[in-house]
Each structure stands twice: as C-alpha cells, then as structure tokens.
C-alpha cells in the first residue's frame, strides 16, 4: 500500500504504539501534553472522548498535513474511577476492590485531519469481570508483571489474563488502549484505508 498521508499518534504510550504497529502503517509519535483531568459530573465515556479529541488537537499545530490519532481510556469500578496505580500498594488496593467484580473500560479514539480540522471519533466499551482473587494470587501477579502503569492493575495481554474471568467487548484491543477495529474504520472514513 502506498500511504498517501502522514500519520501521527498523539501518545507516548508504548502499548498504543505497539497496537498501532499491528496495522502495518507508517506513523510517528508525538507527546500531546494534555492534562488528563475529569470534569465534575462528566460521564466516563464522555471524558475518554473529550481527552482523545484534545490529544489529537494538541498535536495538530506541529503536524498540519497529517492525520492525527488521539486516544484515551477511563476505567470505572462502580462509581469510582480507577487511574494508573503507580506502585505496588495502589495496585494491590485496585485488585482487592476489583476481585469478584466487573470493571468498565471506556476507550475513545479520535482521528483528526489536521488540514481540515475534521474529526471522527468512537468510544468502545469493555467490561472486564475479575475472578475472586486470593491475596497470594494478587501478590504473585503484581510481583511478576508489575502493571503499575495500567488502570485496573492487570495487563490482559500478559499474565493478567489469569486474573480475569471474562471480557465483554466488540474490540479486544480496546482494553489494551487503542481500539484497532474502530480505528481502521475511522482511517478508512478519513481517506486512508489500512488495506488500500
């Protein structure tokens, strides 16, 4: 395929970079520098969509001829938002809270045409149901995989899958942080189909 447009991923996430590489398209990464804050009363899916859009828009001035991909994910357990734990103690607390329960992940992707300012976006929901976990299972997992940069404290693409009872989603890549099925659609709608 001859790629007709530059593609920029507005992210420094290694997980999103690895996912986008699966599509076999040439792309570069740019740090969006966006404050990932939740607005009072804002639903999780709306937060994810707003932040994905903001990330794409933040990168566009430096890449005026590109298609820009922004993405964001918000994880919620009950009425509590789960951020990246950052350390063992916080990750253990997240897993204890999630044990035997479901966590809802809202992953948004936005494709912005920097030339026209046109934006296309989608939010992909994913529900992860955790097994009833023992302290020794949680400790063993955290010490082996150290998922301290992942909301929910479990990497489904790694050993974390052993903590999970089921995953309900239309796009399994959404849980890792970039919904490739939705992104493929949005790129095609933007004039750059992945398969030409």
C-alpha atoms as a PDB file:
ATOM      1  CA  UNK A   1       0.000   0.000   0.000  1.00  0.00           C
ATOM      2  CA  UNK A   2       1.225   3.474  -0.840  1.00  0.00           C
ATOM      3  CA  UNK A   3       0.461   5.659   2.150  1.00  0.00           C
ATOM      4  CA  UNK A   4      -0.938   8.972   0.980  1.00  0.00           C
ATOM      5  CA  UNK A   5      -0.931  10.814   4.315  1.00  0.00           C
ATOM      6  CA  UNK A   6       1.402  11.166   7.266  1.00  0.00           C
ATOM      7  CA  UNK A   7       0.013   9.501  10.354  1.00  0.00           C
ATOM      8  CA  UNK A   8       0.795  10.766  13.850  1.00  0.00           C
ATOM      9  CA  UNK A   9      -0.097   9.011  17.081  1.00  0.00           C
ATOM     10  CA  UNK A  10      -0.684  11.651  19.761  1.00  0.00           C
ATOM     11  CA  UNK A  11       0.662   9.471  22.536  1.00  0.00           C
ATOM     12  CA  UNK A  12       3.841   8.370  24.270  1.00  0.00           C
ATOM     13  CA  UNK A  13       2.237   5.102  25.433  1.00  0.00           C
ATOM     14  CA  UNK A  14       4.294   2.052  24.428  1.00  0.00           C
ATOM     15  CA  UNK A  15       1.075  -0.008  24.442  1.00  0.00           C
ATOM     16  CA  UNK A  16      -0.658   2.244  21.924  1.00  0.00           C
ATOM     17  CA  UNK A  17       2.492   2.357  19.789  1.00  0.00           C
ATOM     18  CA  UNK A  18       2.664  -1.467  19.729  1.00  0.00           C
ATOM     19  CA  UNK A  19      -1.021  -1.741  18.864  1.00  0.00           C
ATOM     20  CA  UNK A  20      -0.853   0.772  16.009  1.00  0.00           C
ATOM     21  CA  UNK A  21       2.201  -1.035  14.608  1.00  0.00           C
ATOM     22  CA  UNK A  22      -0.022  -4.106  14.103  1.00  0.00           C
ATOM     23  CA  UNK A  23      -1.825  -2.277  11.288  1.00  0.00           C
ATOM     24  CA  UNK A  24       1.385  -2.104   9.247  1.00  0.00           C
ATOM     25  CA  UNK A  25       1.143   1.633   8.587  1.00  0.00           C
ATOM     26  CA  UNK A  26       3.991   4.124   8.861  1.00  0.00           C
ATOM     27  CA  UNK A  27       3.494   6.537  11.742  1.00  0.00           C
ATOM     28  CA  UNK A  28       5.315   8.767  14.159  1.00  0.00           C
ATOM     29  CA  UNK A  29       4.538   9.594  17.769  1.00  0.00           C
ATOM     30  CA  UNK A  30       4.146  12.982  19.407  1.00  0.00           C
ATOM     31  CA  UNK A  31       3.551  13.821  23.049  1.00  0.00           C
ATOM     32  CA  UNK A  32       0.224  15.663  23.371  1.00  0.00           C
ATOM     33  CA  UNK A  33       0.978  17.228  26.763  1.00  0.00           C
ATOM     34  CA  UNK A  34      -2.713  17.255  27.717  1.00  0.00           C
ATOM     35  CA  UNK A  35      -3.863  17.405  31.344  1.00  0.00           C
ATOM     36  CA  UNK A  36      -5.943  14.231  31.775  1.00  0.00           C
ATOM     37  CA  UNK A  37      -8.494  15.660  34.184  1.00  0.00           C
ATOM     38  CA  UNK A  38     -12.078  14.569  34.691  1.00  0.00           C
ATOM     39  CA  UNK A  39     -14.699  17.300  34.731  1.00  0.00           C
ATOM     40  CA  UNK A  40     -17.260  17.331  37.551  1.00  0.00           C
ATOM     41  CA  UNK A  41     -20.313  15.288  36.635  1.00  0.00           C
ATOM     42  CA  UNK A  42     -18.821  14.139  33.320  1.00  0.00           C
ATOM     43  CA  UNK A  43     -19.689  10.545  32.381  1.00  0.00           C
ATOM     44  CA  UNK A  44     -16.637   8.263  31.874  1.00  0.00           C
ATOM     45  CA  UNK A  45     -17.275   7.691  28.150  1.00  0.00           C
ATOM     46  CA  UNK A  46     -17.543  11.450  27.598  1.00  0.00           C
ATOM     47  CA  UNK A  47     -14.273  12.021  29.496  1.00  0.00           C
ATOM     48  CA  UNK A  48     -12.476   9.488  27.302  1.00  0.00           C
ATOM     49  CA  UNK A  49     -13.889  11.028  24.105  1.00  0.00           C
ATOM     50  CA  UNK A  50     -13.039  14.580  25.174  1.00  0.00           C
ATOM     51  CA  UNK A  51      -9.468  13.675  26.100  1.00  0.00           C
ATOM     52  CA  UNK A  52      -8.880  11.703  22.882  1.00  0.00           C
ATOM     53  CA  UNK A  53     -10.056  14.738  20.928  1.00  0.00           C
ATOM     54  CA  UNK A  54      -7.906  17.128  22.983  1.00  0.00           C
ATOM     55  CA  UNK A  55      -4.811  14.980  22.448  1.00  0.00           C
ATOM     56  CA  UNK A  56      -5.279  14.958  18.674  1.00  0.00           C
ATOM     57  CA  UNK A  57      -5.917  18.706  18.621  1.00  0.00           C
ATOM     58  CA  UNK A  58      -2.878  19.442  20.801  1.00  0.00           C
ATOM     59  CA  UNK A  59      -0.535  17.756  18.319  1.00  0.00           C
ATOM     60  CA  UNK A  60      -2.084  19.154  15.122  1.00  0.00           C
ATOM     61  CA  UNK A  61      -0.288  22.566  15.006  1.00  0.00           C
ATOM     62  CA  UNK A  62       3.083  20.799  14.671  1.00  0.00           C
ATOM     63  CA  UNK A  63       1.773  18.348  12.036  1.00  0.00           C
ATOM     64  CA  UNK A  64      -0.534  20.419   9.789  1.00  0.00           C
ATOM     65  CA  UNK A  65      -0.559  17.915   6.918  1.00  0.00           C
ATOM     66  CA  UNK A  66      -1.171  14.737   8.949  1.00  0.00           C
ATOM     67  CA  UNK A  67      -3.964  12.521  10.106  1.00  0.00           C
ATOM     68  CA  UNK A  68      -3.640  12.511  13.878  1.00  0.00           C
ATOM     69  CA  UNK A  69      -4.802   9.750  16.212  1.00  0.00           C
ATOM     70  CA  UNK A  70      -5.764  10.610  19.774  1.00  0.00           C
ATOM     71  CA  UNK A  71      -6.890   8.002  22.278  1.00  0.00           C
ATOM     72  CA  UNK A  72      -7.814   7.860  25.932  1.00  0.00           C
ATOM     73  CA  UNK A  73      -9.215   5.309  28.344  1.00  0.00           C
ATOM     74  CA  UNK A  74     -11.240   5.700  31.520  1.00  0.00           C
ATOM     75  CA  UNK A  75     -11.739   2.719  33.838  1.00  0.00           C
ATOM     76  CA  UNK A  76     -14.569   2.644  36.360  1.00  0.00           C
ATOM     77  CA  UNK A  77     -15.352   0.272  39.217  1.00  0.00           C
ATOM     78  CA  UNK A  78     -18.858   1.002  40.469  1.00  0.00           C
ATOM     79  CA  UNK A  79     -18.877   4.784  40.767  1.00  0.00           C
ATOM     80  CA  UNK A  80     -15.127   5.072  41.327  1.00  0.00           C
ATOM     81  CA  UNK A  81     -12.666   5.894  38.557  1.00  0.00           C
ATOM     82  CA  UNK A  82      -9.504   3.778  38.504  1.00  0.00           C
ATOM     83  CA  UNK A  83      -6.339   5.541  37.421  1.00  0.00           C
ATOM     84  CA  UNK A  84      -2.881   4.116  36.861  1.00  0.00           C
ATOM     85  CA  UNK A  85      -1.820   2.750  40.245  1.00  0.00           C
ATOM     86  CA  UNK A  86       1.810   3.873  40.039  1.00  0.00           C
ATOM     87  CA  UNK A  87       3.064   1.460  42.707  1.00  0.00           C
ATOM     88  CA  UNK A  88       2.544  -1.917  44.361  1.00  0.00           C
ATOM     89  CA  UNK A  89       0.348  -0.702  47.240  1.00  0.00           C
ATOM     90  CA  UNK A  90      -2.093   1.132  44.974  1.00  0.00           C
ATOM     91  CA  UNK A  91      -2.192  -1.783  42.512  1.00  0.00           C
ATOM     92  CA  UNK A  92      -2.954  -4.219  45.325  1.00  0.00           C
ATOM     93  CA  UNK A  93      -5.778  -1.961  46.532  1.00  0.00           C
ATOM     94  CA  UNK A  94      -7.224  -1.852  42.993  1.00  0.00           C
ATOM     95  CA  UNK A  95      -7.102  -5.637  42.626  1.00  0.00           C
ATOM     96  CA  UNK A  96      -8.684  -6.144  46.057  1.00  0.00           C
ATOM     97  CA  UNK A  97     -11.518  -3.796  45.069  1.00  0.00           C
ATOM     98  CA  UNK A  98     -11.962  -5.494  41.662  1.00  0.00           C
ATOM     99  CA  UNK A  99     -11.842  -9.066  42.975  1.00  0.00           C
ATOM    100  CA  UNK A 100     -15.078 -10.848  42.027  1.00  0.00           C
ATOM    101  CA  UNK A 101     -16.444  -7.692  40.397  1.00  0.00           C
ATOM    102  CA  UNK A 102     -16.568  -6.032  36.974  1.00  0.00           C
ATOM    103  CA  UNK A 103     -14.606  -3.007  35.805  1.00  0.00           C
ATOM    104  CA  UNK A 104     -15.883  -0.959  32.855  1.00  0.00           C
ATOM    105  CA  UNK A 105     -13.291   0.469  30.468  1.00  0.00           C
ATOM    106  CA  UNK A 106     -14.285   3.248  28.057  1.00  0.00           C
ATOM    107  CA  UNK A 107     -11.670   3.618  25.323  1.00  0.00           C
ATOM    108  CA  UNK A 108     -12.016   6.501  22.898  1.00  0.00           C
ATOM    109  CA  UNK A 109     -10.216   7.008  19.615  1.00  0.00           C
ATOM    110  CA  UNK A 110     -10.255  10.156  17.509  1.00  0.00           C
ATOM    111  CA  UNK A 111      -8.833  10.656  14.023  1.00  0.00           C
ATOM    112  CA  UNK A 112      -8.303  14.317  13.200  1.00  0.00           C
ATOM    113  CA  UNK A 113      -7.450  15.620   9.753  1.00  0.00           C
ATOM    114  CA  UNK A 114      -5.068  18.452  10.620  1.00  0.00           C
ATOM    115  CA  UNK A 115      -5.577  20.001   7.163  1.00  0.00           C
ATOM    116  CA  UNK A 116      -9.330  20.454   7.514  1.00  0.00           C
ATOM    117  CA  UNK A 117      -9.816  20.184  11.264  1.00  0.00           C
ATOM    118  CA  UNK A 118     -12.392  17.434  10.666  1.00  0.00           C
ATOM    119  CA  UNK A 119     -12.616  14.885  13.477  1.00  0.00           C
ATOM    120  CA  UNK A 120     -14.070  11.389  13.570  1.00  0.00           C
ATOM    121  CA  UNK A 121     -14.296   9.513  16.846  1.00  0.00           C
ATOM    122  CA  UNK A 122     -15.705   6.495  18.573  1.00  0.00           C
ATOM    123  CA  UNK A 123     -15.866   5.169  22.143  1.00  0.00           C
ATOM    124  CA  UNK A 124     -15.576   1.409  22.594  1.00  0.00           C
ATOM    125  CA  UNK A 125     -16.854  -0.062  25.871  1.00  0.00           C
ATOM    126  CA  UNK A 126     -15.283  -3.101  27.509  1.00  0.00           C
ATOM    127  CA  UNK A 127     -16.383  -4.877  30.668  1.00  0.00           C
ATOM    128  CA  UNK A 128     -13.790  -6.963  32.496  1.00  0.00           C
ATOM    129  CA  UNK A 129     -15.004  -9.380  35.149  1.00  0.00           C
ATOM    130  CA  UNK A 130     -12.309 -10.386  37.602  1.00  0.00           C
ATOM    131  CA  UNK A 131     -12.107 -13.764  39.294  1.00  0.00           C
ATOM    132  CA  UNK A 132     -12.455 -13.897  43.060  1.00  0.00           C
ATOM    133  CA  UNK A 133      -8.768 -13.417  43.889  1.00  0.00           C
ATOM    134  CA  UNK A 134      -6.747 -14.516  46.887  1.00  0.00           C
ATOM    135  CA  UNK A 135      -4.094 -12.335  48.476  1.00  0.00           C
ATOM    136  CA  UNK A 136      -1.378 -14.740  47.323  1.00  0.00           C
ATOM    137  CA  UNK A 137      -2.645 -14.639  43.706  1.00  0.00           C
ATOM    138  CA  UNK A 138      -2.694 -10.844  43.677  1.00  0.00           C
ATOM    139  CA  UNK A 139       0.745 -10.589  45.282  1.00  0.00           C
ATOM    140  CA  UNK A 140       2.285 -13.170  42.949  1.00  0.00           C
ATOM    141  CA  UNK A 141       0.846 -11.413  39.922  1.00  0.00           C
ATOM    142  CA  UNK A 142       1.936  -7.923  40.941  1.00  0.00           C
ATOM    143  CA  UNK A 143       5.473  -9.030  41.762  1.00  0.00           C
ATOM    144  CA  UNK A 144       5.827 -10.817  38.414  1.00  0.00           C
ATOM    145  CA  UNK A 145       4.242  -8.343  36.000  1.00  0.00           C
ATOM    146  CA  UNK A 146       4.344  -5.012  37.886  1.00  0.00           C
ATOM    147  CA  UNK A 147       1.415  -3.434  35.966  1.00  0.00           C
ATOM    148  CA  UNK A 148       1.750  -0.096  37.727  1.00  0.00           C
ATOM    149  CA  UNK A 149       1.152   1.921  34.552  1.00  0.00           C
ATOM    150  CA  UNK A 150      -2.174   0.227  33.743  1.00  0.00           C
ATOM    151  CA  UNK A 151      -5.569   1.332  35.051  1.00  0.00           C
ATOM    152  CA  UNK A 152      -7.148  -1.638  36.792  1.00  0.00           C
ATOM    153  CA  UNK A 153      -3.715  -3.109  37.587  1.00  0.00           C
ATOM    154  CA  UNK A 154      -3.943  -6.101  35.231  1.00  0.00           C
ATOM    155  CA  UNK A 155      -2.450  -6.494  31.748  1.00  0.00           C
ATOM    156  CA  UNK A 156      -4.847  -8.675  29.775  1.00  0.00           C
ATOM    157  CA  UNK A 157      -2.213  -9.055  27.057  1.00  0.00           C
ATOM    158  CA  UNK A 158       0.129 -10.647  29.611  1.00  0.00           C
ATOM    159  CA  UNK A 159      -0.128 -12.693  32.783  1.00  0.00           C
ATOM    160  CA  UNK A 160      -3.017 -10.518  33.959  1.00  0.00           C
ATOM    161  CA  UNK A 161      -5.337 -12.634  31.817  1.00  0.00           C
ATOM    162  CA  UNK A 162      -5.148 -15.256  34.602  1.00  0.00           C
ATOM    163  CA  UNK A 163      -6.915 -12.809  36.957  1.00  0.00           C
ATOM    164  CA  UNK A 164      -9.835 -12.337  34.586  1.00  0.00           C
ATOM    165  CA  UNK A 165     -12.995 -14.436  34.386  1.00  0.00           C
ATOM    166  CA  UNK A 166     -14.369 -12.841  31.220  1.00  0.00           C
ATOM    167  CA  UNK A 167     -14.025  -9.881  28.868  1.00  0.00           C
ATOM    168  CA  UNK A 168     -17.053  -8.462  27.072  1.00  0.00           C
ATOM    169  CA  UNK A 169     -16.287  -6.089  24.186  1.00  0.00           C
ATOM    170  CA  UNK A 170     -16.678  -5.660  20.447  1.00  0.00           C
ATOM    171  CA  UNK A 171     -12.951  -4.951  20.131  1.00  0.00           C
ATOM    172  CA  UNK A 172     -10.405  -6.750  22.361  1.00  0.00           C
ATOM    173  CA  UNK A 173      -7.679  -4.207  21.548  1.00  0.00           C
ATOM    174  CA  UNK A 174      -9.768  -1.519  23.247  1.00  0.00           C
ATOM    175  CA  UNK A 175      -8.817  -2.944  26.636  1.00  0.00           C
ATOM    176  CA  UNK A 176      -5.104  -2.526  25.885  1.00  0.00           C
ATOM    177  CA  UNK A 177      -5.701   1.123  24.991  1.00  0.00           C
ATOM    178  CA  UNK A 178      -6.298   1.612  21.251  1.00  0.00           C
ATOM    179  CA  UNK A 179      -9.376   0.038  19.600  1.00  0.00           C
ATOM    180  CA  UNK A 180      -7.985  -1.100  16.264  1.00  0.00           C
ATOM    181  CA  UNK A 181     -11.305  -2.186  14.748  1.00  0.00           C
ATOM    182  CA  UNK A 182     -12.780   1.269  15.325  1.00  0.00           C
ATOM    183  CA  UNK A 183      -9.532   2.952  14.269  1.00  0.00           C
ATOM    184  CA  UNK A 184      -9.454   1.005  10.991  1.00  0.00           C
ATOM    185  CA  UNK A 185     -12.979   2.266  10.251  1.00  0.00           C
ATOM    186  CA  UNK A 186     -12.094   5.857  11.131  1.00  0.00           C
ATOM    187  CA  UNK A 187      -8.940   5.812   8.991  1.00  0.00           C
ATOM    188  CA  UNK A 188     -10.941   4.484   6.029  1.00  0.00           C
ATOM    189  CA  UNK A 189     -13.554   7.209   6.538  1.00  0.00           C
ATOM    190  CA  UNK A 190     -10.682   9.723   6.574  1.00  0.00           C
ATOM    191  CA  UNK A 191      -9.414   8.533   3.182  1.00  0.00           C
ATOM    192  CA  UNK A 192      -6.635   6.243   4.399  1.00  0.00           C
ATOM    193  CA  UNK A 193      -7.883   2.633   4.433  1.00  0.00           C
ATOM    194  CA  UNK A 194      -5.417   0.300   6.151  1.00  0.00           C
ATOM    195  CA  UNK A 195      -5.586  -2.268   3.350  1.00  0.00           C
ATOM    196  CA  UNK A 196      -5.598   0.246   0.485  1.00  0.00           C
END
